[in-house]
Every structure is written in C-alpha cells, then in structure tokens.
Amino acid sequence: LAKPVVDRLEEQLKGKARVIRLDVFTGVGRAAARRYGVMGTPTLLLVNQNGELVLGQAGIPRPGPIVEQVDALLASQ
C-alpha cells in the first residue's frame, strides 16, 4: 500500500536524497529498526548525513513534510 507513495517520493527526491528500502525481516533491516526505534511497518525514516534521525513517520508516508525536511537539511549545509 505504501509502495506507490514511496515510488513517487523517490522520484521527487531524485538528486536531493537517496531512498533506501529495508525489509525488517532481514538482518540489516532488523538492525536499522532497533537503532531507530521502529515499532511497526511501514515506517519511513529521514536520516541526515551523520546517521541522526530527523523525521520518522509510521504508516503511509506523507510526502509533504518529508520533502520539506530534505529541503531544510540541504539548505543548512
């Protein structure tokens, strides 16, 4: 259900941010979920270049706030 939203978001962020999709049933996905406190799926996390969590959204992603945060991060660099 979230895939079409994330697909569009990935297109919107092309050249600005990288979208990485992780499966919480893999070792890497479980490690990331533990690190960032993911409690359910789907969850979208926005992480800065230092690996710090900037924004987390559980459920179907809302692209507006995500794009705004990416733009704010890029402007602050």
PDB file of N, CA and C in Angstrom:
ATOM      1  N   LEU A   1       0.813  -1.197   0.000  1.00  0.00           N
ATOM      2  CA  LEU A   1       0.000   0.000   0.000  1.00  0.00           C
ATOM      3  C   LEU A   1       0.861   1.267   0.000  1.00  0.00           C
ATOM      4  N   ALA A   2       1.984   1.225   0.717  1.00  0.00           N
ATOM      5  CA  ALA A   2       2.859   2.400   0.781  1.00  0.00           C
ATOM      6  C   ALA A   2       3.773   2.494  -0.440  1.00  0.00           C
ATOM      7  N   LYS A   3       3.955   1.400  -1.163  1.00  0.00           N
ATOM      8  CA  LYS A   3       4.915   1.378  -2.264  1.00  0.00           C
ATOM      9  C   LYS A   3       4.679   2.469  -3.305  1.00  0.00           C
ATOM     10  N   PRO A   4       3.464   2.689  -3.797  1.00  0.00           N
ATOM     11  CA  PRO A   4       3.279   3.754  -4.793  1.00  0.00           C
ATOM     12  C   PRO A   4       3.635   5.139  -4.241  1.00  0.00           C
ATOM     13  N   VAL A   5       3.355   5.374  -2.969  1.00  0.00           N
ATOM     14  CA  VAL A   5       3.684   6.666  -2.365  1.00  0.00           C
ATOM     15  C   VAL A   5       5.193   6.831  -2.285  1.00  0.00           C
ATOM     16  N   VAL A   6       5.886   5.777  -1.864  1.00  0.00           N
ATOM     17  CA  VAL A   6       7.344   5.838  -1.758  1.00  0.00           C
ATOM     18  C   VAL A   6       7.977   5.936  -3.146  1.00  0.00           C
ATOM     19  N   ASP A   7       7.402   5.250  -4.133  1.00  0.00           N
ATOM     20  CA  ASP A   7       7.907   5.365  -5.512  1.00  0.00           C
ATOM     21  C   ASP A   7       7.852   6.816  -5.988  1.00  0.00           C
ATOM     22  N   ARG A   8       6.716   7.490  -5.740  1.00  0.00           N
ATOM     23  CA  ARG A   8       6.583   8.902  -6.152  1.00  0.00           C
ATOM     24  C   ARG A   8       7.536   9.797  -5.363  1.00  0.00           C
ATOM     25  N   LEU A   9       7.668   9.518  -4.094  1.00  0.00           N
ATOM     26  CA  LEU A   9       8.575  10.290  -3.255  1.00  0.00           C
ATOM     27  C   LEU A   9      10.019  10.132  -3.726  1.00  0.00           C
ATOM     28  N   GLU A  10      10.379   8.928  -4.078  1.00  0.00           N
ATOM     29  CA  GLU A  10      11.726   8.670  -4.591  1.00  0.00           C
ATOM     30  C   GLU A  10      11.990   9.499  -5.848  1.00  0.00           C
ATOM     31  N   GLU A  11      10.996   9.586  -6.710  1.00  0.00           N
ATOM     32  CA  GLU A  11      11.127  10.384  -7.936  1.00  0.00           C
ATOM     33  C   GLU A  11      11.260  11.873  -7.589  1.00  0.00           C
ATOM     34  N   GLN A  12      10.461  12.347  -6.633  1.00  0.00           N
ATOM     35  CA  GLN A  12      10.514  13.756  -6.221  1.00  0.00           C
ATOM     36  C   GLN A  12      11.877  14.126  -5.633  1.00  0.00           C
ATOM     37  N   LEU A  13      12.499  13.195  -4.945  1.00  0.00           N
ATOM     38  CA  LEU A  13      13.750  13.472  -4.244  1.00  0.00           C
ATOM     39  C   LEU A  13      14.991  13.159  -5.073  1.00  0.00           C
ATOM     40  N   LYS A  14      14.788  12.715  -6.301  1.00  0.00           N
ATOM     41  CA  LYS A  14      15.918  12.361  -7.161  1.00  0.00           C
ATOM     42  C   LYS A  14      16.899  13.530  -7.238  1.00  0.00           C
ATOM     43  N   GLY A  15      18.155  13.255  -6.963  1.00  0.00           N
ATOM     44  CA  GLY A  15      19.193  14.276  -6.988  1.00  0.00           C
ATOM     45  C   GLY A  15      19.318  15.044  -5.684  1.00  0.00           C
ATOM     46  N   LYS A  16      18.389  14.828  -4.758  1.00  0.00           N
ATOM     47  CA  LYS A  16      18.421  15.512  -3.462  1.00  0.00           C
ATOM     48  C   LYS A  16      18.743  14.550  -2.321  1.00  0.00           C
ATOM     49  N   ALA A  17      18.097  13.402  -2.335  1.00  0.00           N
ATOM     50  CA  ALA A  17      18.245  12.430  -1.253  1.00  0.00           C
ATOM     51  C   ALA A  17      18.104  11.022  -1.817  1.00  0.00           C
ATOM     52  N   ARG A  18      18.675  10.085  -1.116  1.00  0.00           N
ATOM     53  CA  ARG A  18      18.612   8.690  -1.540  1.00  0.00           C
ATOM     54  C   ARG A  18      17.537   7.974  -0.736  1.00  0.00           C
ATOM     55  N   VAL A  19      16.685   7.241  -1.407  1.00  0.00           N
ATOM     56  CA  VAL A  19      15.650   6.434  -0.756  1.00  0.00           C
ATOM     57  C   VAL A  19      16.182   5.008  -0.668  1.00  0.00           C
ATOM     58  N   ILE A  20      16.248   4.508   0.549  1.00  0.00           N
ATOM     59  CA  ILE A  20      16.714   3.141   0.786  1.00  0.00           C
ATOM     60  C   ILE A  20      15.570   2.378   1.434  1.00  0.00           C
ATOM     61  N   ARG A  21      15.194   1.287   0.834  1.00  0.00           N
ATOM     62  CA  ARG A  21      14.096   0.469   1.361  1.00  0.00           C
ATOM     63  C   ARG A  21      14.693  -0.737   2.071  1.00  0.00           C
ATOM     64  N   LEU A  22      14.282  -0.923   3.317  1.00  0.00           N
ATOM     65  CA  LEU A  22      14.776  -2.048   4.099  1.00  0.00           C
ATOM     66  C   LEU A  22      13.622  -2.932   4.523  1.00  0.00           C
ATOM     67  N   ASP A  23      13.884  -4.209   4.539  1.00  0.00           N
ATOM     68  CA  ASP A  23      12.920  -5.205   4.999  1.00  0.00           C
ATOM     69  C   ASP A  23      13.285  -5.571   6.431  1.00  0.00           C
ATOM     70  N   VAL A  24      12.382  -5.371   7.365  1.00  0.00           N
ATOM     71  CA  VAL A  24      12.680  -5.643   8.777  1.00  0.00           C
ATOM     72  C   VAL A  24      12.848  -7.132   9.066  1.00  0.00           C
ATOM     73  N   PHE A  25      12.644  -7.976   8.073  1.00  0.00           N
ATOM     74  CA  PHE A  25      12.840  -9.406   8.252  1.00  0.00           C
ATOM     75  C   PHE A  25      14.229  -9.851   7.819  1.00  0.00           C
ATOM     76  N   THR A  26      15.098  -8.885   7.477  1.00  0.00           N
ATOM     77  CA  THR A  26      16.495  -9.201   7.159  1.00  0.00           C
ATOM     78  C   THR A  26      17.367  -8.685   8.300  1.00  0.00           C
ATOM     79  N   GLY A  27      18.586  -9.142   8.360  1.00  0.00           N
ATOM     80  CA  GLY A  27      19.493  -8.704   9.413  1.00  0.00           C
ATOM     81  C   GLY A  27      19.718  -7.205   9.398  1.00  0.00           C
ATOM     82  N   VAL A  28      19.964  -6.654   8.236  1.00  0.00           N
ATOM     83  CA  VAL A  28      20.203  -5.215   8.111  1.00  0.00           C
ATOM     84  C   VAL A  28      18.950  -4.436   8.495  1.00  0.00           C
ATOM     85  N   GLY A  29      17.808  -4.897   8.039  1.00  0.00           N
ATOM     86  CA  GLY A  29      16.550  -4.228   8.362  1.00  0.00           C
ATOM     87  C   GLY A  29      16.245  -4.265   9.852  1.00  0.00           C
ATOM     88  N   ARG A  30      16.489  -5.409  10.491  1.00  0.00           N
ATOM     89  CA  ARG A  30      16.272  -5.519  11.943  1.00  0.00           C
ATOM     90  C   ARG A  30      17.204  -4.588  12.707  1.00  0.00           C
ATOM     91  N   ALA A  31      18.468  -4.528  12.288  1.00  0.00           N
ATOM     92  CA  ALA A  31      19.435  -3.661  12.964  1.00  0.00           C
ATOM     93  C   ALA A  31      19.016  -2.197  12.847  1.00  0.00           C
ATOM     94  N   ALA A  32      18.583  -1.789  11.670  1.00  0.00           N
ATOM     95  CA  ALA A  32      18.140  -0.403  11.474  1.00  0.00           C
ATOM     96  C   ALA A  32      16.890  -0.123  12.304  1.00  0.00           C
ATOM     97  N   ALA A  33      15.958  -1.065  12.344  1.00  0.00           N
ATOM     98  CA  ALA A  33      14.739  -0.889  13.124  1.00  0.00           C
ATOM     99  C   ALA A  33      15.063  -0.723  14.610  1.00  0.00           C
ATOM    100  N   ARG A  34      15.989  -1.523  15.109  1.00  0.00           N
ATOM    101  CA  ARG A  34      16.402  -1.384  16.518  1.00  0.00           C
ATOM    102  C   ARG A  34      17.066  -0.034  16.761  1.00  0.00           C
ATOM    103  N   ARG A  35      17.977   0.331  15.879  1.00  0.00           N
ATOM    104  CA  ARG A  35      18.724   1.587  16.061  1.00  0.00           C
ATOM    105  C   ARG A  35      17.792   2.800  16.123  1.00  0.00           C
ATOM    106  N   TYR A  36      16.789   2.822  15.255  1.00  0.00           N
ATOM    107  CA  TYR A  36      15.925   3.997  15.155  1.00  0.00           C
ATOM    108  C   TYR A  36      14.570   3.827  15.843  1.00  0.00           C
ATOM    109  N   GLY A  37      14.385   2.718  16.562  1.00  0.00           N
ATOM    110  CA  GLY A  37      13.174   2.536  17.353  1.00  0.00           C
ATOM    111  C   GLY A  37      11.906   2.288  16.552  1.00  0.00           C
ATOM    112  N   VAL A  38      12.028   1.630  15.418  1.00  0.00           N
ATOM    113  CA  VAL A  38      10.860   1.328  14.590  1.00  0.00           C
ATOM    114  C   VAL A  38      10.003   0.294  15.312  1.00  0.00           C
ATOM    115  N   MET A  39       8.716   0.607  15.452  1.00  0.00           N
ATOM    116  CA  MET A  39       7.803  -0.263  16.178  1.00  0.00           C
ATOM    117  C   MET A  39       6.825  -1.004  15.256  1.00  0.00           C
ATOM    118  N   GLY A  40       6.679  -0.550  14.024  1.00  0.00           N
ATOM    119  CA  GLY A  40       5.745  -1.190  13.102  1.00  0.00           C
ATOM    120  C   GLY A  40       6.083  -0.823  11.672  1.00  0.00           C
ATOM    121  N   THR A  41       5.407  -1.484  10.760  1.00  0.00           N
ATOM    122  CA  THR A  41       5.638  -1.197   9.344  1.00  0.00           C
ATOM    123  C   THR A  41       4.312  -0.848   8.686  1.00  0.00           C
ATOM    124  N   PRO A  42       4.335  -0.005   7.668  1.00  0.00           N
ATOM    125  CA  PRO A  42       5.508   0.675   7.147  1.00  0.00           C
ATOM    126  C   PRO A  42       5.914   1.853   8.044  1.00  0.00           C
ATOM    127  N   THR A  43       7.191   2.141   8.051  1.00  0.00           N
ATOM    128  CA  THR A  43       7.734   3.314   8.725  1.00  0.00           C
ATOM    129  C   THR A  43       8.743   3.947   7.795  1.00  0.00           C
ATOM    130  N   LEU A  44       8.665   5.263   7.652  1.00  0.00           N
ATOM    131  CA  LEU A  44       9.625   5.995   6.842  1.00  0.00           C
ATOM    132  C   LEU A  44      10.483   6.829   7.789  1.00  0.00           C
ATOM    133  N   LEU A  45      11.789   6.739   7.613  1.00  0.00           N
ATOM    134  CA  LEU A  45      12.730   7.490   8.435  1.00  0.00           C
ATOM    135  C   LEU A  45      13.545   8.414   7.547  1.00  0.00           C
ATOM    136  N   LEU A  46      13.740   9.633   7.990  1.00  0.00           N
ATOM    137  CA  LEU A  46      14.634  10.565   7.317  1.00  0.00           C
ATOM    138  C   LEU A  46      15.841  10.722   8.230  1.00  0.00           C
ATOM    139  N   VAL A  47      16.998  10.343   7.714  1.00  0.00           N
ATOM    140  CA  VAL A  47      18.231  10.344   8.482  1.00  0.00           C
ATOM    141  C   VAL A  47      19.199  11.305   7.807  1.00  0.00           C
ATOM    142  N   ASN A  48      19.874  12.146   8.598  1.00  0.00           N
ATOM    143  CA  ASN A  48      20.824  13.091   8.000  1.00  0.00           C
ATOM    144  C   ASN A  48      22.144  12.394   7.671  1.00  0.00           C
ATOM    145  N   GLN A  49      23.088  13.164   7.157  1.00  0.00           N
ATOM    146  CA  GLN A  49      24.363  12.601   6.710  1.00  0.00           C
ATOM    147  C   GLN A  49      25.185  12.026   7.858  1.00  0.00           C
ATOM    148  N   ASN A  50      24.838  12.364   9.105  1.00  0.00           N
ATOM    149  CA  ASN A  50      25.542  11.834  10.271  1.00  0.00           C
ATOM    150  C   ASN A  50      24.844  10.611  10.865  1.00  0.00           C
ATOM    151  N   GLY A  51      23.791  10.149  10.220  1.00  0.00           N
ATOM    152  CA  GLY A  51      23.055   8.993  10.708  1.00  0.00           C
ATOM    153  C   GLY A  51      22.073   9.318  11.808  1.00  0.00           C
ATOM    154  N   GLU A  52      21.796  10.613  12.022  1.00  0.00           N
ATOM    155  CA  GLU A  52      20.865  11.036  13.062  1.00  0.00           C
ATOM    156  C   GLU A  52      19.448  11.111  12.499  1.00  0.00           C
ATOM    157  N   LEU A  53      18.505  10.615  13.267  1.00  0.00           N
ATOM    158  CA  LEU A  53      17.108  10.638  12.850  1.00  0.00           C
ATOM    159  C   LEU A  53      16.585  12.068  12.848  1.00  0.00           C
ATOM    160  N   VAL A  54      16.036  12.499  11.724  1.00  0.00           N
ATOM    161  CA  VAL A  54      15.497  13.849  11.574  1.00  0.00           C
ATOM    162  C   VAL A  54      13.975  13.816  11.599  1.00  0.00           C
ATOM    163  N   LEU A  55      13.396  12.785  10.999  1.00  0.00           N
ATOM    164  CA  LEU A  55      11.947  12.677  10.906  1.00  0.00           C
ATOM    165  C   LEU A  55      11.569  11.213  10.815  1.00  0.00           C
ATOM    166  N   GLY A  56      10.539  10.816  11.526  1.00  0.00           N
ATOM    167  CA  GLY A  56      10.021   9.466  11.438  1.00  0.00           C
ATOM    168  C   GLY A  56       8.521   9.507  11.231  1.00  0.00           C
ATOM    169  N   GLN A  57       8.031   8.689  10.316  1.00  0.00           N
ATOM    170  CA  GLN A  57       6.591   8.612  10.053  1.00  0.00           C
ATOM    171  C   GLN A  57       6.172   7.144  10.026  1.00  0.00           C
ATOM    172  N   ALA A  58       5.285   6.776  10.920  1.00  0.00           N
ATOM    173  CA  ALA A  58       4.715   5.435  10.895  1.00  0.00           C
ATOM    174  C   ALA A  58       3.454   5.470  10.046  1.00  0.00           C
ATOM    175  N   GLY A  59       3.180   4.377   9.360  1.00  0.00           N
ATOM    176  CA  GLY A  59       2.007   4.315   8.486  1.00  0.00           C
ATOM    177  C   GLY A  59       2.358   4.770   7.082  1.00  0.00           C
ATOM    178  N   ILE A  60       1.338   5.072   6.306  1.00  0.00           N
ATOM    179  CA  ILE A  60       1.554   5.514   4.926  1.00  0.00           C
ATOM    180  C   ILE A  60       2.286   6.856   4.966  1.00  0.00           C
ATOM    181  N   PRO A  61       3.416   6.972   4.258  1.00  0.00           N
ATOM    182  CA  PRO A  61       4.201   8.214   4.303  1.00  0.00           C
ATOM    183  C   PRO A  61       3.422   9.420   3.776  1.00  0.00           C
ATOM    184  N   ARG A  62       3.684  10.566   4.389  1.00  0.00           N
ATOM    185  CA  ARG A  62       3.136  11.853   3.945  1.00  0.00           C
ATOM    186  C   ARG A  62       4.276  12.619   3.280  1.00  0.00           C
ATOM    187  N   PRO A  63       4.302  12.682   1.956  1.00  0.00           N
ATOM    188  CA  PRO A  63       5.436  13.260   1.234  1.00  0.00           C
ATOM    189  C   PRO A  63       5.734  14.722   1.562  1.00  0.00           C
ATOM    190  N   GLY A  64       4.732  15.549   1.813  1.00  0.00           N
ATOM    191  CA  GLY A  64       4.964  16.978   2.051  1.00  0.00           C
ATOM    192  C   GLY A  64       5.993  17.252   3.129  1.00  0.00           C
ATOM    193  N   PRO A  65       5.789  16.757   4.352  1.00  0.00           N
ATOM    194  CA  PRO A  65       6.764  17.007   5.416  1.00  0.00           C
ATOM    195  C   PRO A  65       8.146  16.425   5.120  1.00  0.00           C
ATOM    196  N   ILE A  66       8.177  15.316   4.416  1.00  0.00           N
ATOM    197  CA  ILE A  66       9.456  14.690   4.094  1.00  0.00           C
ATOM    198  C   ILE A  66      10.249  15.582   3.138  1.00  0.00           C
ATOM    199  N   VAL A  67       9.610  16.031   2.079  1.00  0.00           N
ATOM    200  CA  VAL A  67      10.284  16.903   1.108  1.00  0.00           C
ATOM    201  C   VAL A  67      10.725  18.202   1.781  1.00  0.00           C
ATOM    202  N   GLU A  68       9.880  18.758   2.647  1.00  0.00           N
ATOM    203  CA  GLU A  68      10.239  19.989   3.367  1.00  0.00           C
ATOM    204  C   GLU A  68      11.476  19.778   4.231  1.00  0.00           C
ATOM    205  N   GLN A  69      11.553  18.661   4.928  1.00  0.00           N
ATOM    206  CA  GLN A  69      12.706  18.391   5.774  1.00  0.00           C
ATOM    207  C   GLN A  69      13.970  18.166   4.955  1.00  0.00           C
ATOM    208  N   VAL A  70      13.857  17.471   3.833  1.00  0.00           N
ATOM    209  CA  VAL A  70      15.020  17.275   2.962  1.00  0.00           C
ATOM    210  C   VAL A  70      15.511  18.632   2.470  1.00  0.00           C
ATOM    211  N   ASP A  71      14.607  19.479   2.015  1.00  0.00           N
ATOM    212  CA  ASP A  71      14.994  20.816   1.535  1.00  0.00           C
ATOM    213  C   ASP A  71      15.651  21.623   2.660  1.00  0.00           C
ATOM    214  N   ALA A  72      15.128  21.526   3.892  1.00  0.00           N
ATOM    215  CA  ALA A  72      15.706  22.251   5.029  1.00  0.00           C
ATOM    216  C   ALA A  72      17.109  21.728   5.341  1.00  0.00           C
ATOM    217  N   LEU A  73      17.289  20.412   5.282  1.00  0.00           N
ATOM    218  CA  LEU A  73      18.613  19.847   5.521  1.00  0.00           C
ATOM    219  C   LEU A  73      19.612  20.324   4.480  1.00  0.00           C
ATOM    220  N   LEU A  74      19.187  20.317   3.228  1.00  0.00           N
ATOM    221  CA  LEU A  74      20.082  20.750   2.154  1.00  0.00           C
ATOM    222  C   LEU A  74      20.419  22.241   2.280  1.00  0.00           C
ATOM    223  N   ALA A  75      19.465  23.049   2.690  1.00  0.00           N
ATOM    224  CA  ALA A  75      19.691  24.488   2.848  1.00  0.00           C
ATOM    225  C   ALA A  75      20.639  24.789   4.006  1.00  0.00           C
ATOM    226  N   SER A  76      20.679  23.917   5.010  1.00  0.00           N
ATOM    227  CA  SER A  76      21.526  24.165   6.181  1.00  0.00           C
ATOM    228  C   SER A  76      22.961  23.683   5.989  1.00  0.00           C
ATOM    229  N   GLN A  77      23.249  23.053   4.884  1.00  0.00           N
ATOM    230  CA  GLN A  77      24.614  22.549   4.646  1.00  0.00           C
ATOM    231  C   GLN A  77      25.522  23.631   4.143  1.00  0.00           C
TER     232      GLN A  77
END
